[in-house]
């Protein structure tokens, strides 16, 4: 994991594009954690979500996220961006934050999603980072 951190920090220091960096991050996370899917979404100034390259999600699912307004009941990512704090849906099928968005992700065999906001130095939310799991689970200390 330290190697991945160094790789991403080097990409940032070299001025690599955000898209190239998130692509590398997502692909490497998915290699390190078999069965886990990773996504990075940008939040624009109007509060709209925009998927960034790298996830292994089908294009149809990515298209559903494009331009979606953040909010308290917009899955884990939309909620994390809205509240500015981490959101963990331990069971997407029953989580109230997923009521309007669960069918497409459940159809992919995914059952849990944890998302954290990505904030600037002043605390403004710039995006989200999420991990999706094939089993119902919550975060726990290792």
N, C-alpha and C. Protein backbone atom coordinates (compact mmCIF):
# COMPACT_ATOMS: atom_id res chain seq x y z
N UNK A 1 0.82 -1.19 0.00
CA UNK A 1 0.00 0.00 0.00
C UNK A 1 0.88 1.26 0.00
N UNK A 2 2.01 1.19 0.69
CA UNK A 2 2.93 2.32 0.71
C UNK A 2 3.44 2.64 -0.69
N UNK A 3 3.69 1.60 -1.48
CA UNK A 3 4.14 1.80 -2.86
C UNK A 3 3.08 2.58 -3.65
N UNK A 4 1.83 2.22 -3.47
CA UNK A 4 0.74 2.93 -4.17
C UNK A 4 0.68 4.39 -3.73
N UNK A 5 0.80 4.62 -2.44
CA UNK A 5 0.80 6.01 -1.95
C UNK A 5 1.92 6.81 -2.60
N UNK A 6 3.10 6.24 -2.64
CA UNK A 6 4.23 6.93 -3.25
C UNK A 6 4.00 7.19 -4.73
N UNK A 7 3.45 6.20 -5.43
CA UNK A 7 3.17 6.36 -6.86
C UNK A 7 2.21 7.52 -7.09
N UNK A 8 1.14 7.58 -6.32
CA UNK A 8 0.14 8.64 -6.48
C UNK A 8 0.74 10.00 -6.13
N UNK A 9 1.50 10.06 -5.05
CA UNK A 9 2.14 11.33 -4.68
C UNK A 9 3.14 11.79 -5.74
N UNK A 10 3.87 10.86 -6.34
CA UNK A 10 4.80 11.21 -7.42
C UNK A 10 4.03 11.74 -8.63
N UNK A 11 2.91 11.14 -8.95
CA UNK A 11 2.10 11.61 -10.08
C UNK A 11 1.62 13.04 -9.83
N UNK A 12 1.19 13.31 -8.62
CA UNK A 12 0.73 14.65 -8.27
C UNK A 12 1.90 15.64 -8.37
N UNK A 13 3.04 15.27 -7.82
CA UNK A 13 4.22 16.14 -7.85
C UNK A 13 4.68 16.43 -9.27
N UNK A 14 4.52 15.45 -10.18
CA UNK A 14 4.92 15.65 -11.58
C UNK A 14 3.88 16.45 -12.36
N UNK A 15 2.75 16.72 -11.74
CA UNK A 15 1.72 17.49 -12.43
C UNK A 15 0.88 16.66 -13.38
N UNK A 16 0.81 15.34 -13.14
CA UNK A 16 -0.05 14.49 -13.96
C UNK A 16 -1.50 14.99 -13.85
N UNK A 17 -2.29 14.71 -14.85
CA UNK A 17 -3.67 15.15 -14.82
C UNK A 17 -4.44 14.43 -13.72
N UNK A 18 -5.50 15.05 -13.28
CA UNK A 18 -6.38 14.43 -12.28
C UNK A 18 -6.93 13.11 -12.81
N UNK A 19 -7.29 13.11 -14.08
CA UNK A 19 -7.86 11.91 -14.70
C UNK A 19 -6.85 10.76 -14.71
N UNK A 20 -5.61 11.05 -15.07
CA UNK A 20 -4.58 10.00 -15.08
C UNK A 20 -4.32 9.48 -13.68
N UNK A 21 -4.32 10.37 -12.71
CA UNK A 21 -4.05 9.99 -11.33
C UNK A 21 -5.17 9.14 -10.76
N UNK A 22 -6.43 9.54 -10.99
CA UNK A 22 -7.54 8.74 -10.45
C UNK A 22 -7.65 7.41 -11.18
N UNK A 23 -7.31 7.39 -12.45
CA UNK A 23 -7.31 6.14 -13.21
C UNK A 23 -6.32 5.16 -12.58
N UNK A 24 -5.13 5.61 -12.33
CA UNK A 24 -4.08 4.76 -11.73
C UNK A 24 -4.49 4.33 -10.33
N UNK A 25 -4.98 5.26 -9.53
CA UNK A 25 -5.41 4.95 -8.16
C UNK A 25 -6.48 3.87 -8.15
N UNK A 26 -7.52 4.06 -8.93
CA UNK A 26 -8.63 3.11 -8.95
C UNK A 26 -8.18 1.73 -9.42
N UNK A 27 -7.42 1.68 -10.49
CA UNK A 27 -6.96 0.39 -11.00
C UNK A 27 -6.09 -0.34 -9.98
N UNK A 28 -5.21 0.38 -9.32
CA UNK A 28 -4.31 -0.25 -8.36
C UNK A 28 -5.06 -0.71 -7.10
N UNK A 29 -6.02 0.08 -6.64
CA UNK A 29 -6.83 -0.32 -5.48
C UNK A 29 -7.58 -1.61 -5.81
N UNK A 30 -8.17 -1.67 -7.00
CA UNK A 30 -8.93 -2.86 -7.38
C UNK A 30 -8.02 -4.09 -7.53
N UNK A 31 -6.76 -3.89 -7.89
CA UNK A 31 -5.81 -5.02 -7.94
C UNK A 31 -5.43 -5.47 -6.54
N UNK A 32 -5.23 -4.52 -5.64
CA UNK A 32 -4.83 -4.83 -4.26
C UNK A 32 -5.96 -5.48 -3.46
N UNK A 33 -7.19 -5.12 -3.76
CA UNK A 33 -8.35 -5.60 -3.01
C UNK A 33 -9.31 -6.34 -3.94
N UNK A 34 -9.03 -7.60 -4.22
CA UNK A 34 -9.89 -8.36 -5.14
C UNK A 34 -11.36 -8.35 -4.68
N UNK A 35 -12.25 -8.17 -5.64
CA UNK A 35 -13.67 -8.13 -5.33
C UNK A 35 -14.18 -6.77 -4.93
N UNK A 36 -13.28 -5.81 -4.78
CA UNK A 36 -13.66 -4.45 -4.40
C UNK A 36 -13.62 -3.58 -5.65
N UNK A 37 -14.61 -2.69 -5.77
CA UNK A 37 -14.60 -1.71 -6.86
C UNK A 37 -14.40 -0.33 -6.24
N UNK A 38 -13.67 0.48 -6.96
CA UNK A 38 -13.30 1.81 -6.48
C UNK A 38 -13.87 2.86 -7.43
N UNK A 39 -14.30 3.98 -6.88
CA UNK A 39 -14.71 5.09 -7.74
C UNK A 39 -14.25 6.41 -7.13
N UNK A 40 -13.96 7.35 -8.01
CA UNK A 40 -13.64 8.72 -7.61
C UNK A 40 -14.56 9.63 -8.41
N UNK A 41 -15.28 10.49 -7.71
CA UNK A 41 -16.20 11.42 -8.34
C UNK A 41 -15.77 12.84 -8.02
N UNK A 42 -15.84 13.70 -9.01
CA UNK A 42 -15.58 15.12 -8.80
C UNK A 42 -16.91 15.79 -8.51
N UNK A 43 -16.90 16.80 -7.62
CA UNK A 43 -18.09 17.59 -7.34
C UNK A 43 -17.83 18.99 -7.87
N UNK A 44 -18.69 19.46 -8.78
CA UNK A 44 -18.48 20.80 -9.33
C UNK A 44 -19.09 21.87 -8.43
N UNK A 45 -18.93 23.12 -8.80
CA UNK A 45 -19.40 24.25 -8.00
C UNK A 45 -20.90 24.30 -7.82
N UNK A 46 -21.64 23.58 -8.65
CA UNK A 46 -23.10 23.53 -8.53
C UNK A 46 -23.59 22.33 -7.74
N UNK A 47 -22.63 21.53 -7.21
CA UNK A 47 -23.01 20.36 -6.43
C UNK A 47 -23.36 19.14 -7.27
N UNK A 48 -22.87 19.11 -8.50
CA UNK A 48 -23.14 17.97 -9.38
C UNK A 48 -21.95 17.01 -9.39
N UNK A 49 -22.24 15.71 -9.44
CA UNK A 49 -21.22 14.68 -9.46
C UNK A 49 -20.76 14.38 -10.88
N UNK A 50 -19.46 14.11 -11.01
CA UNK A 50 -18.87 13.77 -12.30
C UNK A 50 -17.86 12.65 -12.09
N UNK A 51 -18.14 11.43 -12.58
CA UNK A 51 -17.19 10.32 -12.42
C UNK A 51 -15.86 10.62 -13.12
N UNK A 52 -14.78 10.22 -12.46
CA UNK A 52 -13.44 10.36 -13.03
C UNK A 52 -12.97 8.98 -13.50
N UNK A 53 -12.05 8.95 -14.43
CA UNK A 53 -11.61 7.66 -15.00
C UNK A 53 -11.00 6.72 -13.96
N UNK A 54 -11.11 5.43 -14.28
CA UNK A 54 -10.39 4.45 -13.51
C UNK A 54 -11.20 3.30 -12.96
N UNK A 55 -12.46 3.52 -12.71
CA UNK A 55 -13.22 2.44 -12.09
C UNK A 55 -13.55 1.36 -13.12
N UNK A 56 -13.86 0.20 -12.61
CA UNK A 56 -14.23 -0.91 -13.49
C UNK A 56 -15.74 -1.02 -13.65
N UNK A 57 -16.45 0.01 -13.27
CA UNK A 57 -17.91 0.01 -13.43
C UNK A 57 -18.28 0.09 -14.90
N UNK A 58 -19.38 -0.57 -15.27
CA UNK A 58 -19.83 -0.47 -16.67
C UNK A 58 -20.20 0.97 -17.03
N UNK A 59 -20.04 1.30 -18.29
CA UNK A 59 -20.35 2.65 -18.76
C UNK A 59 -21.78 3.07 -18.43
N UNK A 60 -22.72 2.13 -18.45
CA UNK A 60 -24.12 2.44 -18.16
C UNK A 60 -24.27 2.95 -16.72
N UNK A 61 -23.54 2.34 -15.78
CA UNK A 61 -23.62 2.78 -14.39
C UNK A 61 -22.95 4.14 -14.23
N UNK A 62 -21.80 4.31 -14.84
CA UNK A 62 -21.08 5.59 -14.77
C UNK A 62 -21.97 6.71 -15.32
N UNK A 63 -22.69 6.45 -16.41
CA UNK A 63 -23.57 7.45 -17.01
C UNK A 63 -24.69 7.86 -16.06
N UNK A 64 -25.16 6.95 -15.21
CA UNK A 64 -26.20 7.28 -14.23
C UNK A 64 -25.71 8.29 -13.20
N UNK A 65 -24.42 8.27 -12.92
CA UNK A 65 -23.85 9.17 -11.91
C UNK A 65 -23.54 10.56 -12.47
N UNK A 66 -23.29 10.65 -13.76
CA UNK A 66 -22.90 11.91 -14.39
C UNK A 66 -23.98 12.97 -14.20
N UNK A 67 -23.59 14.08 -13.56
CA UNK A 67 -24.50 15.21 -13.39
C UNK A 67 -25.51 15.05 -12.28
N UNK A 68 -25.38 14.01 -11.46
CA UNK A 68 -26.30 13.79 -10.35
C UNK A 68 -26.03 14.81 -9.26
N UNK A 69 -27.09 15.40 -8.71
CA UNK A 69 -26.96 16.40 -7.65
C UNK A 69 -26.68 15.70 -6.32
N UNK A 70 -25.69 16.20 -5.56
CA UNK A 70 -25.40 15.64 -4.24
C UNK A 70 -26.60 15.89 -3.33
N UNK A 71 -26.72 15.10 -2.29
CA UNK A 71 -27.80 15.27 -1.34
C UNK A 71 -27.75 14.20 -0.26
N UNK A 72 -28.59 14.34 0.76
CA UNK A 72 -28.54 13.41 1.90
C UNK A 72 -29.02 12.00 1.58
N UNK A 73 -29.71 11.83 0.46
CA UNK A 73 -30.24 10.52 0.08
C UNK A 73 -29.79 10.13 -1.33
N UNK A 74 -28.53 10.42 -1.63
CA UNK A 74 -27.99 10.16 -2.97
C UNK A 74 -26.84 9.17 -2.85
N UNK A 75 -27.16 7.96 -2.38
CA UNK A 75 -26.14 6.94 -2.20
C UNK A 75 -25.06 7.39 -1.24
N UNK A 76 -24.00 6.62 -1.15
CA UNK A 76 -22.92 6.96 -0.22
C UNK A 76 -22.12 8.16 -0.69
N UNK A 77 -21.84 8.25 -2.00
CA UNK A 77 -21.02 9.35 -2.52
C UNK A 77 -21.75 10.69 -2.47
N UNK A 78 -22.99 10.71 -2.94
CA UNK A 78 -23.75 11.95 -2.90
C UNK A 78 -23.96 12.45 -1.49
N UNK A 79 -24.14 11.51 -0.56
CA UNK A 79 -24.32 11.87 0.85
C UNK A 79 -23.01 12.34 1.47
N UNK A 80 -21.90 11.65 1.17
CA UNK A 80 -20.60 12.07 1.71
C UNK A 80 -20.24 13.48 1.24
N UNK A 81 -20.52 13.77 -0.02
CA UNK A 81 -20.25 15.11 -0.55
C UNK A 81 -21.17 16.14 0.11
N UNK A 82 -22.43 15.78 0.30
CA UNK A 82 -23.41 16.69 0.89
C UNK A 82 -23.07 17.03 2.34
N UNK A 83 -22.75 16.00 3.13
CA UNK A 83 -22.48 16.20 4.55
C UNK A 83 -21.03 16.57 4.84
N UNK A 84 -20.13 16.32 3.87
CA UNK A 84 -18.71 16.60 4.09
C UNK A 84 -18.07 15.65 5.08
N UNK A 85 -18.61 14.43 5.18
CA UNK A 85 -18.04 13.43 6.08
C UNK A 85 -18.25 12.04 5.49
N UNK A 86 -17.48 11.08 6.00
CA UNK A 86 -17.55 9.71 5.49
C UNK A 86 -18.93 9.12 5.73
N UNK A 87 -19.39 8.34 4.76
CA UNK A 87 -20.67 7.64 4.84
C UNK A 87 -20.43 6.18 4.49
N UNK A 88 -20.91 5.29 5.36
CA UNK A 88 -20.75 3.86 5.11
C UNK A 88 -22.13 3.20 5.06
N UNK A 89 -22.49 2.70 3.91
CA UNK A 89 -23.72 1.93 3.76
C UNK A 89 -23.33 0.46 3.90
N UNK A 90 -23.64 -0.13 5.04
CA UNK A 90 -23.27 -1.53 5.31
C UNK A 90 -24.12 -2.51 4.51
N UNK A 91 -25.32 -2.09 4.12
CA UNK A 91 -26.23 -2.92 3.34
C UNK A 91 -27.02 -2.01 2.41
N UNK A 92 -26.57 -1.91 1.17
CA UNK A 92 -27.20 -1.02 0.20
C UNK A 92 -28.68 -1.32 0.04
N UNK A 93 -29.05 -2.58 0.12
CA UNK A 93 -30.45 -2.98 -0.09
C UNK A 93 -31.40 -2.36 0.93
N UNK A 94 -30.93 -2.09 2.13
CA UNK A 94 -31.80 -1.55 3.19
C UNK A 94 -31.43 -0.15 3.64
N UNK A 95 -30.33 0.39 3.15
CA UNK A 95 -29.88 1.71 3.58
C UNK A 95 -30.79 2.80 3.00
N UNK A 96 -31.34 3.68 3.85
CA UNK A 96 -32.25 4.72 3.35
C UNK A 96 -31.61 5.68 2.36
N UNK A 97 -30.31 5.87 2.44
CA UNK A 97 -29.61 6.76 1.52
C UNK A 97 -29.53 6.21 0.10
N UNK A 98 -29.82 4.93 -0.05
CA UNK A 98 -29.73 4.27 -1.35
C UNK A 98 -31.09 3.96 -1.96
N UNK A 99 -32.18 4.34 -1.30
CA UNK A 99 -33.51 3.92 -1.73
C UNK A 99 -33.78 4.21 -3.22
N UNK A 100 -33.33 5.33 -3.72
CA UNK A 100 -33.60 5.70 -5.11
C UNK A 100 -32.50 5.26 -6.08
N UNK A 101 -31.42 4.68 -5.57
CA UNK A 101 -30.25 4.40 -6.40
C UNK A 101 -29.76 2.96 -6.29
N UNK A 102 -30.43 2.13 -5.51
CA UNK A 102 -29.88 0.82 -5.20
C UNK A 102 -29.96 -0.21 -6.32
N UNK A 103 -31.01 -0.17 -7.13
CA UNK A 103 -31.21 -1.23 -8.12
C UNK A 103 -30.02 -1.43 -9.07
N UNK A 104 -29.48 -0.38 -9.69
CA UNK A 104 -28.35 -0.61 -10.62
C UNK A 104 -27.11 -1.17 -9.94
N UNK A 105 -26.84 -0.74 -8.72
CA UNK A 105 -25.63 -1.23 -8.04
C UNK A 105 -25.83 -2.64 -7.50
N UNK A 106 -27.03 -2.94 -7.03
CA UNK A 106 -27.32 -4.31 -6.58
C UNK A 106 -27.25 -5.28 -7.77
N UNK A 107 -27.66 -4.82 -8.94
CA UNK A 107 -27.60 -5.67 -10.14
C UNK A 107 -26.16 -6.02 -10.51
N UNK A 108 -25.21 -5.23 -10.04
CA UNK A 108 -23.79 -5.50 -10.29
C UNK A 108 -23.21 -6.44 -9.23
N UNK A 109 -24.04 -6.87 -8.28
CA UNK A 109 -23.58 -7.76 -7.23
C UNK A 109 -22.90 -7.06 -6.07
N UNK A 110 -23.09 -5.76 -5.98
CA UNK A 110 -22.45 -4.99 -4.91
C UNK A 110 -23.45 -4.76 -3.78
N UNK A 111 -22.97 -4.91 -2.54
CA UNK A 111 -23.89 -4.89 -1.40
C UNK A 111 -23.56 -3.86 -0.34
N UNK A 112 -22.37 -3.27 -0.39
CA UNK A 112 -21.99 -2.25 0.59
C UNK A 112 -21.13 -1.20 -0.12
N UNK A 113 -21.17 0.02 0.41
CA UNK A 113 -20.36 1.11 -0.17
C UNK A 113 -19.96 2.08 0.93
N UNK A 114 -18.67 2.37 0.96
CA UNK A 114 -18.15 3.37 1.89
C UNK A 114 -17.58 4.50 1.06
N UNK A 115 -17.94 5.72 1.38
CA UNK A 115 -17.45 6.87 0.64
C UNK A 115 -16.94 7.95 1.58
N UNK A 116 -15.86 8.58 1.18
CA UNK A 116 -15.28 9.69 1.95
C UNK A 116 -15.16 10.91 1.04
N UNK A 117 -15.43 12.08 1.62
CA UNK A 117 -15.25 13.29 0.81
C UNK A 117 -13.77 13.62 0.62
N UNK A 118 -13.47 14.25 -0.50
CA UNK A 118 -12.14 14.78 -0.77
C UNK A 118 -12.29 16.29 -0.66
N UNK A 119 -11.58 16.89 0.30
CA UNK A 119 -11.77 18.32 0.59
C UNK A 119 -10.50 19.11 0.31
N UNK A 120 -10.69 20.41 0.02
CA UNK A 120 -9.54 21.28 -0.15
C UNK A 120 -9.08 21.79 1.22
N UNK A 121 -8.07 22.64 1.23
CA UNK A 121 -7.49 23.13 2.48
C UNK A 121 -8.49 23.89 3.35
N UNK A 122 -9.51 24.47 2.72
CA UNK A 122 -10.52 25.22 3.48
C UNK A 122 -11.70 24.33 3.90
N UNK A 123 -11.68 23.07 3.50
CA UNK A 123 -12.75 22.16 3.87
C UNK A 123 -13.86 22.02 2.85
N UNK A 124 -13.76 22.70 1.72
CA UNK A 124 -14.78 22.57 0.68
C UNK A 124 -14.63 21.21 0.00
N UNK A 125 -15.76 20.56 -0.26
CA UNK A 125 -15.74 19.24 -0.87
C UNK A 125 -15.48 19.38 -2.38
N UNK A 126 -14.44 18.70 -2.84
CA UNK A 126 -14.06 18.71 -4.26
C UNK A 126 -14.48 17.43 -4.96
N UNK A 127 -14.68 16.36 -4.17
CA UNK A 127 -15.03 15.09 -4.76
C UNK A 127 -15.24 14.04 -3.69
N UNK A 128 -15.35 12.79 -4.14
CA UNK A 128 -15.50 11.66 -3.22
C UNK A 128 -14.66 10.49 -3.69
N UNK A 129 -14.27 9.67 -2.75
CA UNK A 129 -13.57 8.43 -3.00
C UNK A 129 -14.40 7.33 -2.38
N UNK A 130 -14.69 6.27 -3.14
CA UNK A 130 -15.55 5.22 -2.61
C UNK A 130 -15.03 3.83 -2.91
N UNK A 131 -15.34 2.92 -1.99
CA UNK A 131 -15.09 1.50 -2.16
C UNK A 131 -16.43 0.79 -2.10
N UNK A 132 -16.67 -0.10 -3.06
CA UNK A 132 -17.89 -0.92 -3.12
C UNK A 132 -17.49 -2.37 -2.87
N UNK A 133 -18.33 -3.09 -2.13
CA UNK A 133 -18.02 -4.46 -1.72
C UNK A 133 -19.12 -5.43 -2.17
N UNK A 134 -18.71 -6.68 -2.39
CA UNK A 134 -19.66 -7.71 -2.82
C UNK A 134 -20.35 -8.39 -1.64
N UNK A 135 -19.99 -8.00 -0.42
CA UNK A 135 -20.68 -8.51 0.75
C UNK A 135 -21.12 -7.35 1.64
N UNK A 136 -22.15 -7.58 2.45
CA UNK A 136 -22.60 -6.57 3.39
C UNK A 136 -21.51 -6.44 4.47
N UNK A 137 -21.04 -5.21 4.67
CA UNK A 137 -20.00 -4.99 5.66
C UNK A 137 -19.82 -3.52 5.96
N UNK A 138 -19.36 -3.25 7.15
CA UNK A 138 -19.04 -1.89 7.56
C UNK A 138 -17.55 -1.77 7.83
N UNK A 139 -17.06 -0.55 7.94
CA UNK A 139 -15.65 -0.35 8.25
C UNK A 139 -15.35 -0.87 9.66
N UNK A 140 -14.16 -1.36 9.84
CA UNK A 140 -13.74 -1.80 11.17
C UNK A 140 -12.24 -1.61 11.29
N UNK A 141 -11.79 -1.49 12.52
CA UNK A 141 -10.35 -1.34 12.77
C UNK A 141 -9.63 -2.63 12.45
N UNK A 142 -8.46 -2.55 11.84
CA UNK A 142 -7.68 -3.76 11.50
C UNK A 142 -6.92 -4.24 12.70
